[in-house]
Protein backbone atom coordinates (compact mmCIF):
# COMPACT_ATOMS: atom_id res chain seq x y z
CA MET A 1 21.20 28.76 145.55
CA LEU A 2 18.39 29.58 148.24
CA ILE A 3 15.49 30.15 146.86
CA PRO A 4 12.04 31.38 148.85
CA HIS A 5 9.48 28.96 149.69
CA ASP A 6 6.56 31.22 147.55
CA THR A 7 9.34 31.41 144.96
CA ARG A 8 10.06 27.60 144.28
CA ILE A 9 6.23 27.10 144.11
CA ALA A 10 5.91 30.09 141.01
CA LEU A 11 8.59 28.12 139.08
CA ASP A 12 7.01 24.61 139.58
CA THR A 13 4.12 26.45 138.24
CA VAL A 14 5.68 28.04 135.52
CA VAL A 15 7.24 24.46 134.33
CA ASP A 16 4.27 22.91 135.32
CA LEU A 17 2.36 25.59 132.73
CA MET A 18 5.12 25.49 129.82
CA ASN A 19 4.85 21.99 129.99
CA THR A 20 0.65 21.75 129.11
CA ALA A 21 2.13 23.04 125.46
CA PRO A 22 1.54 20.25 122.64
CA GLU A 23 4.79 18.41 122.16
CA GLY A 24 5.43 15.67 119.76
CA GLU A 25 2.57 13.42 119.80
CA ARG A 26 1.02 14.80 123.39
CA GLY A 27 -1.70 17.30 122.79
CA ASP A 28 -2.57 20.36 124.38
CA GLU A 29 -2.94 19.96 128.32
CA LEU A 30 -5.11 23.23 128.46
CA GLY A 31 -7.06 22.40 125.39
CA ASP A 32 -10.38 23.51 127.15
CA ILE A 33 -11.78 25.59 129.82
CA ALA A 34 -11.81 22.27 132.56
CA SER A 35 -8.84 21.83 132.31
CA LEU A 36 -7.71 25.17 132.89
CA TYR A 37 -9.85 24.91 136.16
CA ALA A 38 -8.00 21.33 137.02
CA PHE A 39 -4.75 23.03 136.74
CA VAL A 40 -5.69 26.11 138.86
CA ARG A 41 -7.15 23.40 141.72
CA SER A 42 -3.70 21.49 141.48
CA HIS A 43 -2.24 24.18 141.80
CA ASP A 44 -3.41 26.17 144.33
CA ILE A 45 -4.25 29.39 142.28
CA SER A 46 -5.86 31.53 145.07
CA GLY A 47 -8.38 34.12 144.41
CA VAL A 48 -9.61 32.48 140.90
CA GLY A 49 -13.21 33.13 140.09
CA GLU A 50 -15.17 31.72 137.12
CA LEU A 51 -13.27 31.06 134.21
CA GLY A 52 -14.19 31.43 130.45
CA ALA A 53 -12.51 31.26 126.75
CA GLN A 54 -11.28 34.67 126.98
CA ASP A 55 -9.05 33.77 130.59
CA LEU A 56 -8.23 30.23 128.76
CA GLY A 57 -6.80 32.46 125.53
CA ALA A 58 -5.00 34.80 128.04
CA VAL A 59 -3.41 31.62 129.93
CA LEU A 60 -2.12 30.13 126.63
CA ASN A 61 -0.64 33.71 125.86
CA VAL A 62 1.23 33.66 128.85
CA ARG A 63 2.49 30.47 128.80
CA LYS A 64 3.66 31.41 125.12
CA GLN A 65 5.57 34.15 127.05
CA PHE A 66 7.38 31.91 129.42
CA ALA A 67 8.31 29.93 126.73
CA ASP A 68 10.27 32.95 125.04
CA VAL A 69 11.95 33.70 128.42
CA PHE A 70 13.22 29.78 128.70
CA SER A 71 14.72 30.02 124.61
CA ALA A 72 15.99 33.61 124.85
CA PRO A 73 18.75 33.72 123.64
CA ASN A 74 20.55 36.11 126.06
CA THR A 75 19.99 37.85 129.63
CA ARG A 76 19.16 40.89 128.30
CA THR A 77 16.45 39.73 125.93
CA ALA A 78 15.08 37.18 128.56
CA SER A 79 15.12 40.40 131.03
CA GLU A 80 12.84 42.48 128.57
CA LEU A 81 10.40 39.48 128.04
CA ILE A 82 10.05 39.45 131.77
CA ASN A 83 9.97 42.80 132.34
CA ARG A 84 7.06 43.28 129.49
CA LEU A 85 5.13 40.36 130.72
CA VAL A 86 5.10 41.63 134.52
CA ALA A 87 4.23 45.27 133.73
CA ALA A 88 1.55 44.07 131.50
CA ALA A 89 0.20 41.96 134.69
CA GLY A 90 0.00 45.47 136.33
CA THR A 91 1.65 43.92 139.46
CA THR A 92 0.76 45.14 142.80
CA PRO A 93 2.81 43.62 145.81
CA GLN A 94 1.29 42.77 148.55
CA LEU A 95 2.47 40.55 151.73
CA THR A 96 -0.35 37.83 152.56
CA ASP A 97 -0.31 35.12 154.87
CA HIS A 98 -3.40 33.11 153.64
CA ASP A 99 -4.48 28.87 153.68
CA GLY A 100 -1.89 28.15 156.05
CA TYR A 101 1.02 29.81 154.47
CA ASP A 102 3.43 32.10 156.55
CA TRP A 103 3.98 35.75 155.12
CA HIS A 104 4.83 35.83 151.54
CA VAL A 105 4.78 38.01 149.08
CA HIS A 106 1.55 38.17 145.92
CA TYR A 107 2.64 40.61 142.94
CA PHE A 108 -0.74 40.42 141.71
CA ALA A 109 -3.44 42.74 142.08
CA PRO A 110 -6.09 41.90 143.91
CA GLY A 111 -9.13 40.35 141.64
CA ALA A 112 -6.58 39.97 139.11
CA SER A 113 -7.28 37.43 136.05
CA VAL A 114 -5.55 34.08 136.36
CA ALA A 115 -3.35 35.21 133.41
CA ASP A 116 -2.51 37.94 135.07
CA HIS A 117 -1.64 35.98 138.69
CA LEU A 118 0.58 33.90 136.58
CA ALA A 119 2.09 36.30 134.67
CA ALA A 120 2.92 38.55 137.84
CA ASP A 121 3.87 35.82 140.33
CA CYS A 122 5.67 33.77 138.12
CA GLY A 123 7.29 36.22 136.34
CA MET A 124 8.80 37.77 139.12
CA ALA A 125 9.79 34.38 139.74
CA LEU A 126 11.54 34.22 136.50
CA ALA A 127 13.16 37.76 137.78
CA PHE A 128 14.67 36.43 140.61
CA ILE A 129 16.21 33.59 138.77
CA VAL A 130 17.98 36.66 136.37
CA VAL A 131 18.71 38.87 139.66
CA ALA A 132 20.68 35.70 141.25
CA GLY A 133 22.60 35.64 137.72
CA GLU A 134 21.03 31.66 137.38
CA ARG A 135 19.37 32.12 133.68
CA GLU A 136 21.16 29.02 132.63
CA ARG A 137 19.28 27.05 134.93
CA LEU A 138 15.75 27.56 133.12
CA ARG A 139 16.27 24.48 130.75
CA ARG A 140 14.84 22.24 128.36
CA CYS A 141 15.15 18.47 128.64
CA GLU A 142 17.95 17.37 126.29
CA ALA A 143 16.38 14.01 125.20
CA PRO A 144 15.77 14.65 121.97
CA ASP A 145 12.08 13.38 121.90
CA CYS A 146 11.17 15.25 125.02
CA GLY A 147 12.32 19.33 125.08
CA ARG A 148 9.94 19.69 128.46
CA ALA A 149 10.82 22.79 130.48
CA PHE A 150 12.33 22.32 133.99
CA VAL A 151 14.70 24.37 136.42
CA ASP A 152 18.16 23.14 137.30
CA LEU A 153 18.16 23.49 140.74
CA SER A 154 20.99 20.72 141.04
CA ARG A 155 24.27 22.22 143.06
CA ASN A 156 26.72 22.49 139.86
CA ARG A 157 23.63 23.01 136.98
CA SER A 158 24.38 19.61 135.65
CA ARG A 159 21.19 18.43 135.12
CA ARG A 160 20.52 17.52 131.61
CA TYR A 161 16.81 15.93 131.77
CA CYS A 162 13.35 16.70 132.75
CA ASP A 163 13.33 13.40 135.19
CA SER A 164 16.40 11.36 135.05
CA ARG A 165 14.46 8.60 136.07
CA THR A 166 12.59 8.38 132.43
CA CYS A 167 14.14 10.97 129.83
CA GLY A 168 17.81 10.16 131.56
CA ASN A 169 17.63 6.40 132.05
CA ARG A 170 16.14 6.05 128.48
CA LEU A 171 18.94 7.52 126.62
CA HIS A 172 21.25 5.81 129.27
CA VAL A 173 19.93 2.78 128.78
CA ALA A 174 20.11 3.34 124.78
CA ALA A 175 24.07 4.31 124.91
CA TYR A 176 24.54 1.04 126.84
CA ARG A 177 22.76 -0.66 124.33
CA ALA A 178 24.58 0.41 120.96
CA ARG A 179 27.93 0.25 123.18
CA ARG A 180 27.00 -3.47 124.03
CA LYS A 181 25.94 -3.86 120.42
CA GLU A 182 29.07 -2.86 118.61
CA ALA A 183 31.20 -4.00 121.01
CA ALA A 184 29.49 -7.62 119.96
CA ALA A 185 30.08 -6.50 116.37
CA ASP A 186 34.13 -6.16 116.91
């Protein structure tokens, strides 16, 4: 599956944003404005000025809507959720070449809030996946104690874990030990 560079960055941003949500014993990684500033910096989100409590609340709402898209029971529902998300952001597609990047499309309006920026650009990246008929690539880790979001970009759509070195390896080692224990008991 060929994904343009800016769409890939937006998909990575969706996943990273979703994975800031509290999970198990891990607290909310976007629990305050300083965390939001750190997220914006680490993802090179352009055109963001002063951030406040309203921005944080709006980004948390966008994060929830992205999670709803990932857990949608079918493509029609996912499409409706994406359409609402993108429309509410007031998309204004524009070609741009800034900060050393080649020409690409920004879907957010100039001066948009950080939440609208994320909703528009990342929502359109999710729309790209749906249009390509690849919605099943939007997944959650199958490790019982994880559930982190990821986009399965493997050639055969077979990825099951957010990270094969941690979640995948941990489950494979546990299964191996269980088999050895069972064999020793026989």
